[in-house]
Amino acid sequence: MGEISSLIPLKGESNVANWNRALRCELACADLLVYVTKDVTEPNKVTKPDEHKIWRTDRAKAMKIIQATLKDDKVTTTLSINGWDQNSTDPKYLYDLIRKTVGKVTNEARADILEEYTSLRRANFDSMASFLVRYDLLRKRVAECGLKIDEKVEVLNLYNMVKRQYIVDAKF
């Protein structure tokens, strides 16, 4: 049975959390996670040639795994604008740069998330369960963006999302 890869391409801030989780899983399975979580000291090439070779090879493997996820032109442009040294062989440098630059949530992204959250309608889903899964995900995304929605507004918004599908007379 072949190996199963958990890698997903990084598309930008919309999937950076899922990308990070999948990348860390892939690196952990290859016993390379330490190369993005810590500064691993380079062994002396003369006094410890075997350790140095392993260090160099493992870093190259970790870098290859990260770069395999960087197919989106928007992502690579964002990295370049933010000073990406494409000649660097340090996987921690690239990982940290991605997390610092791509992980930022822009005002435009906040607006998109909030717009989808407020325009969500139960009628657009096959079941209440699928609607609630999407609703819960968007609530979490809204919170992750640093937006706070008053509890009463949230209840009214949820009521408006389902009222055409489930006609009820409710008083708040």
C-alpha atoms as a PDB file:
ATOM      1  CA  MET A   1       0.000   0.000   0.000  1.00  0.00           C
ATOM      2  CA  GLY A   2       1.391   3.422  -1.011  1.00  0.00           C
ATOM      3  CA  GLU A   3       1.781   6.385   1.263  1.00  0.00           C
ATOM      4  CA  ILE A   4      -1.159   8.714   1.643  1.00  0.00           C
ATOM      5  CA  SER A   5      -0.286  12.377   1.357  1.00  0.00           C
ATOM      6  CA  SER A   6      -2.174  14.877   3.464  1.00  0.00           C
ATOM      7  CA  LEU A   7      -0.776  17.878   1.571  1.00  0.00           C
ATOM      8  CA  ILE A   8      -3.124  20.482   0.190  1.00  0.00           C
ATOM      9  CA  PRO A   9      -2.111  23.439  -1.984  1.00  0.00           C
ATOM     10  CA  LEU A  10      -1.992  26.792  -0.237  1.00  0.00           C
ATOM     11  CA  LYS A  11      -4.542  29.044  -1.932  1.00  0.00           C
ATOM     12  CA  GLY A  12      -4.210  31.996   0.396  1.00  0.00           C
ATOM     13  CA  GLU A  13      -5.758  33.144   3.638  1.00  0.00           C
ATOM     14  CA  SER A  14      -8.956  31.228   2.844  1.00  0.00           C
ATOM     15  CA  ASN A  15      -7.284  27.875   3.527  1.00  0.00           C
ATOM     16  CA  VAL A  16      -4.136  28.744   5.471  1.00  0.00           C
ATOM     17  CA  ALA A  17      -5.389  27.018   8.645  1.00  0.00           C
ATOM     18  CA  ASN A  18      -6.205  23.772   6.809  1.00  0.00           C
ATOM     19  CA  TRP A  19      -2.951  24.023   4.834  1.00  0.00           C
ATOM     20  CA  ASN A  20      -0.982  24.453   8.056  1.00  0.00           C
ATOM     21  CA  ARG A  21      -2.649  21.462   9.704  1.00  0.00           C
ATOM     22  CA  ALA A  22      -2.036  19.235   6.640  1.00  0.00           C
ATOM     23  CA  LEU A  23       1.556  20.431   6.218  1.00  0.00           C
ATOM     24  CA  ARG A  24       2.417  19.833   9.863  1.00  0.00           C
ATOM     25  CA  CYS A  25       0.871  16.356   9.643  1.00  0.00           C
ATOM     26  CA  GLU A  26       2.900  15.547   6.532  1.00  0.00           C
ATOM     27  CA  LEU A  27       6.121  16.837   8.106  1.00  0.00           C
ATOM     28  CA  ALA A  28       5.444  14.946  11.344  1.00  0.00           C
ATOM     29  CA  CYS A  29       4.863  11.697   9.426  1.00  0.00           C
ATOM     30  CA  ALA A  30       8.217  12.200   7.714  1.00  0.00           C
ATOM     31  CA  ASP A  31       9.850  13.051  11.082  1.00  0.00           C
ATOM     32  CA  LEU A  32      10.695  16.530   9.759  1.00  0.00           C
ATOM     33  CA  LEU A  33       8.384  18.781  11.802  1.00  0.00           C
ATOM     34  CA  VAL A  34      11.259  20.019  13.956  1.00  0.00           C
ATOM     35  CA  TYR A  35      12.704  21.786  10.889  1.00  0.00           C
ATOM     36  CA  VAL A  36       9.801  24.268  10.848  1.00  0.00           C
ATOM     37  CA  THR A  37       9.143  24.551  14.576  1.00  0.00           C
ATOM     38  CA  LYS A  38      12.679  25.110  15.866  1.00  0.00           C
ATOM     39  CA  ASP A  39      16.000  26.485  14.705  1.00  0.00           C
ATOM     40  CA  VAL A  40      17.946  23.248  14.255  1.00  0.00           C
ATOM     41  CA  THR A  41      21.656  23.914  14.641  1.00  0.00           C
ATOM     42  CA  GLU A  42      23.814  22.866  11.717  1.00  0.00           C
ATOM     43  CA  PRO A  43      26.224  20.077  12.769  1.00  0.00           C
ATOM     44  CA  ASN A  44      29.881  20.658  12.045  1.00  0.00           C
ATOM     45  CA  LYS A  45      30.601  19.441   8.517  1.00  0.00           C
ATOM     46  CA  VAL A  46      34.174  18.403   9.380  1.00  0.00           C
ATOM     47  CA  THR A  47      33.795  16.809  12.815  1.00  0.00           C
ATOM     48  CA  LYS A  48      30.320  15.317  12.260  1.00  0.00           C
ATOM     49  CA  PRO A  49      29.986  14.663   8.520  1.00  0.00           C
ATOM     50  CA  ASP A  50      27.266  11.992   8.879  1.00  0.00           C
ATOM     51  CA  GLU A  51      25.082  14.190  11.102  1.00  0.00           C
ATOM     52  CA  HIS A  52      25.640  17.120   8.753  1.00  0.00           C
ATOM     53  CA  LYS A  53      24.527  15.065   5.760  1.00  0.00           C
ATOM     54  CA  ILE A  54      21.337  13.976   7.578  1.00  0.00           C
ATOM     55  CA  TRP A  55      20.647  17.584   8.635  1.00  0.00           C
ATOM     56  CA  ARG A  56      21.152  18.884   5.091  1.00  0.00           C
ATOM     57  CA  THR A  57      19.028  16.099   3.531  1.00  0.00           C
ATOM     58  CA  ASP A  58      16.209  16.446   6.075  1.00  0.00           C
ATOM     59  CA  ARG A  59      16.053  20.223   5.543  1.00  0.00           C
ATOM     60  CA  ALA A  60      15.893  19.683   1.794  1.00  0.00           C
ATOM     61  CA  LYS A  61      13.053  17.162   2.240  1.00  0.00           C
ATOM     62  CA  ALA A  62      11.119  19.568   4.475  1.00  0.00           C
ATOM     63  CA  MET A  63      11.644  22.396   1.984  1.00  0.00           C
ATOM     64  CA  LYS A  64      10.482  20.177  -0.881  1.00  0.00           C
ATOM     65  CA  ILE A  65       7.282  19.312   1.004  1.00  0.00           C
ATOM     66  CA  ILE A  66       6.527  22.985   1.707  1.00  0.00           C
ATOM     67  CA  GLN A  67       7.284  24.089  -1.843  1.00  0.00           C
ATOM     68  CA  ALA A  68       5.040  21.339  -3.233  1.00  0.00           C
ATOM     69  CA  THR A  69       2.101  23.272  -1.739  1.00  0.00           C
ATOM     70  CA  LEU A  70       3.046  26.606  -3.335  1.00  0.00           C
ATOM     71  CA  LYS A  71       1.357  26.408  -6.741  1.00  0.00           C
ATOM     72  CA  ASP A  72      -0.933  29.441  -6.522  1.00  0.00           C
ATOM     73  CA  ASP A  73       0.453  32.546  -8.260  1.00  0.00           C
ATOM     74  CA  LYS A  74      -1.319  34.838  -5.784  1.00  0.00           C
ATOM     75  CA  VAL A  75       0.448  33.124  -2.878  1.00  0.00           C
ATOM     76  CA  THR A  76       3.904  33.196  -4.467  1.00  0.00           C
ATOM     77  CA  THR A  77       3.397  36.851  -5.448  1.00  0.00           C
ATOM     78  CA  THR A  78       2.421  37.701  -1.863  1.00  0.00           C
ATOM     79  CA  LEU A  79       5.536  35.942  -0.594  1.00  0.00           C
ATOM     80  CA  SER A  80       7.737  37.730  -3.148  1.00  0.00           C
ATOM     81  CA  ILE A  81       6.281  41.126  -2.252  1.00  0.00           C
ATOM     82  CA  ASN A  82       7.112  40.371   1.367  1.00  0.00           C
ATOM     83  CA  GLY A  83      10.773  39.641   0.644  1.00  0.00           C
ATOM     84  CA  TRP A  84      10.808  35.896  -0.070  1.00  0.00           C
ATOM     85  CA  ASP A  85      14.386  34.778  -0.663  1.00  0.00           C
ATOM     86  CA  GLN A  86      13.739  31.917  -3.101  1.00  0.00           C
ATOM     87  CA  ASN A  87      17.357  30.805  -2.778  1.00  0.00           C
ATOM     88  CA  SER A  88      17.019  30.117   0.934  1.00  0.00           C
ATOM     89  CA  THR A  89      17.306  26.455   1.889  1.00  0.00           C
ATOM     90  CA  ASP A  90      15.863  26.974   5.378  1.00  0.00           C
ATOM     91  CA  PRO A  91      12.375  25.439   5.670  1.00  0.00           C
ATOM     92  CA  LYS A  92      11.692  27.307   8.933  1.00  0.00           C
ATOM     93  CA  TYR A  93      12.339  30.625   7.194  1.00  0.00           C
ATOM     94  CA  LEU A  94       9.818  29.814   4.443  1.00  0.00           C
ATOM     95  CA  TYR A  95       7.257  28.393   6.875  1.00  0.00           C
ATOM     96  CA  ASP A  96       7.486  31.454   9.134  1.00  0.00           C
ATOM     97  CA  LEU A  97       7.243  33.814   6.157  1.00  0.00           C
ATOM     98  CA  ILE A  98       4.106  32.054   4.913  1.00  0.00           C
ATOM     99  CA  ARG A  99       2.494  32.154   8.348  1.00  0.00           C
ATOM    100  CA  LYS A 100       3.391  35.827   8.779  1.00  0.00           C
ATOM    101  CA  THR A 101       2.303  37.085   5.351  1.00  0.00           C
ATOM    102  CA  VAL A 102      -0.367  34.737   3.999  1.00  0.00           C
ATOM    103  CA  GLY A 103      -1.985  34.161   7.365  1.00  0.00           C
ATOM    104  CA  LYS A 104      -3.003  37.792   7.728  1.00  0.00           C
ATOM    105  CA  VAL A 105      -6.698  38.365   7.293  1.00  0.00           C
ATOM    106  CA  THR A 106      -7.307  41.421   5.139  1.00  0.00           C
ATOM    107  CA  ASN A 107     -10.265  43.761   5.488  1.00  0.00           C
ATOM    108  CA  GLU A 108     -11.532  42.444   2.154  1.00  0.00           C
ATOM    109  CA  ALA A 109     -11.470  38.875   3.476  1.00  0.00           C
ATOM    110  CA  ARG A 110     -13.241  39.979   6.666  1.00  0.00           C
ATOM    111  CA  ALA A 111     -15.912  41.654   4.564  1.00  0.00           C
ATOM    112  CA  ASP A 112     -16.350  38.521   2.428  1.00  0.00           C
ATOM    113  CA  ILE A 113     -16.708  36.288   5.476  1.00  0.00           C
ATOM    114  CA  LEU A 114     -19.162  38.645   7.149  1.00  0.00           C
ATOM    115  CA  GLU A 115     -21.166  38.997   3.939  1.00  0.00           C
ATOM    116  CA  GLU A 116     -21.468  35.232   3.532  1.00  0.00           C
ATOM    117  CA  TYR A 117     -22.363  34.865   7.211  1.00  0.00           C
ATOM    118  CA  THR A 118     -25.150  37.453   7.037  1.00  0.00           C
ATOM    119  CA  SER A 119     -26.530  36.295   3.668  1.00  0.00           C
ATOM    120  CA  LEU A 120     -26.606  32.587   4.521  1.00  0.00           C
ATOM    121  CA  ARG A 121     -30.046  31.019   4.009  1.00  0.00           C
ATOM    122  CA  ARG A 122     -31.359  27.619   5.072  1.00  0.00           C
ATOM    123  CA  ALA A 123     -33.182  27.264   1.724  1.00  0.00           C
ATOM    124  CA  ASN A 124     -29.825  27.013  -0.068  1.00  0.00           C
ATOM    125  CA  PHE A 125     -28.948  23.740   1.690  1.00  0.00           C
ATOM    126  CA  ASP A 126     -30.255  20.191   1.287  1.00  0.00           C
ATOM    127  CA  SER A 127     -30.722  19.710   5.009  1.00  0.00           C
ATOM    128  CA  MET A 128     -30.774  21.572   8.269  1.00  0.00           C
ATOM    129  CA  ALA A 129     -27.665  19.617   9.294  1.00  0.00           C
ATOM    130  CA  SER A 130     -25.640  20.823   6.298  1.00  0.00           C
ATOM    131  CA  PHE A 131     -26.879  24.379   6.887  1.00  0.00           C
ATOM    132  CA  LEU A 132     -25.841  24.252  10.549  1.00  0.00           C
ATOM    133  CA  VAL A 133     -22.380  22.885   9.680  1.00  0.00           C
ATOM    134  CA  ARG A 134     -21.801  25.840   7.329  1.00  0.00           C
ATOM    135  CA  TYR A 135     -23.316  28.300   9.806  1.00  0.00           C
ATOM    136  CA  ASP A 136     -21.068  27.054  12.609  1.00  0.00           C
ATOM    137  CA  LEU A 137     -17.979  27.230  10.383  1.00  0.00           C
ATOM    138  CA  LEU A 138     -18.786  30.816   9.391  1.00  0.00           C
ATOM    139  CA  ARG A 139     -19.393  31.809  13.028  1.00  0.00           C
ATOM    140  CA  LYS A 140     -15.927  30.487  13.848  1.00  0.00           C
ATOM    141  CA  ARG A 141     -14.390  32.294  10.856  1.00  0.00           C
ATOM    142  CA  VAL A 142     -16.053  35.548  11.932  1.00  0.00           C
ATOM    143  CA  ALA A 143     -14.569  35.119  15.424  1.00  0.00           C
ATOM    144  CA  GLU A 144     -11.136  34.196  14.010  1.00  0.00           C
ATOM    145  CA  CYS A 145     -11.179  37.448  12.029  1.00  0.00           C
ATOM    146  CA  GLY A 146     -11.523  39.362  15.272  1.00  0.00           C
ATOM    147  CA  LEU A 147     -15.116  40.418  14.631  1.00  0.00           C
ATOM    148  CA  LYS A 148     -17.556  40.327  17.502  1.00  0.00           C
ATOM    149  CA  ILE A 149     -21.274  39.917  16.947  1.00  0.00           C
ATOM    150  CA  ASP A 150     -23.692  40.732  19.737  1.00  0.00           C
ATOM    151  CA  GLU A 151     -25.562  37.644  20.952  1.00  0.00           C
ATOM    152  CA  LYS A 152     -28.989  39.193  20.259  1.00  0.00           C
ATOM    153  CA  VAL A 153     -27.929  40.166  16.735  1.00  0.00           C
ATOM    154  CA  GLU A 154     -26.678  36.638  16.192  1.00  0.00           C
ATOM    155  CA  VAL A 155     -29.995  35.118  17.281  1.00  0.00           C
ATOM    156  CA  LEU A 156     -31.935  37.507  15.027  1.00  0.00           C
ATOM    157  CA  ASN A 157     -29.616  36.741  12.141  1.00  0.00           C
ATOM    158  CA  LEU A 158     -30.087  32.992  12.618  1.00  0.00           C
ATOM    159  CA  TYR A 159     -33.860  33.488  12.795  1.00  0.00           C
ATOM    160  CA  ASN A 160     -33.764  35.415   9.501  1.00  0.00           C
ATOM    161  CA  MET A 161     -31.699  32.648   7.917  1.00  0.00           C
ATOM    162  CA  VAL A 162     -34.315  29.969   8.601  1.00  0.00           C
ATOM    163  CA  LYS A 163     -37.638  31.845   8.814  1.00  0.00           C
ATOM    164  CA  ARG A 164     -38.698  31.329   5.191  1.00  0.00           C
ATOM    165  CA  GLN A 165     -38.035  27.601   5.476  1.00  0.00           C
ATOM    166  CA  TYR A 166     -39.666  27.169   8.882  1.00  0.00           C
ATOM    167  CA  ILE A 167     -42.470  29.642   9.370  1.00  0.00           C
ATOM    168  CA  VAL A 168     -42.865  30.434  13.051  1.00  0.00           C
ATOM    169  CA  ASP A 169     -44.129  33.343  15.042  1.00  0.00           C
ATOM    170  CA  ALA A 170     -41.421  34.247  17.499  1.00  0.00           C
ATOM    171  CA  LYS A 171     -41.094  37.199  19.824  1.00  0.00           C
ATOM    172  CA  PHE A 172     -37.801  38.315  21.258  1.00  0.00           C
END
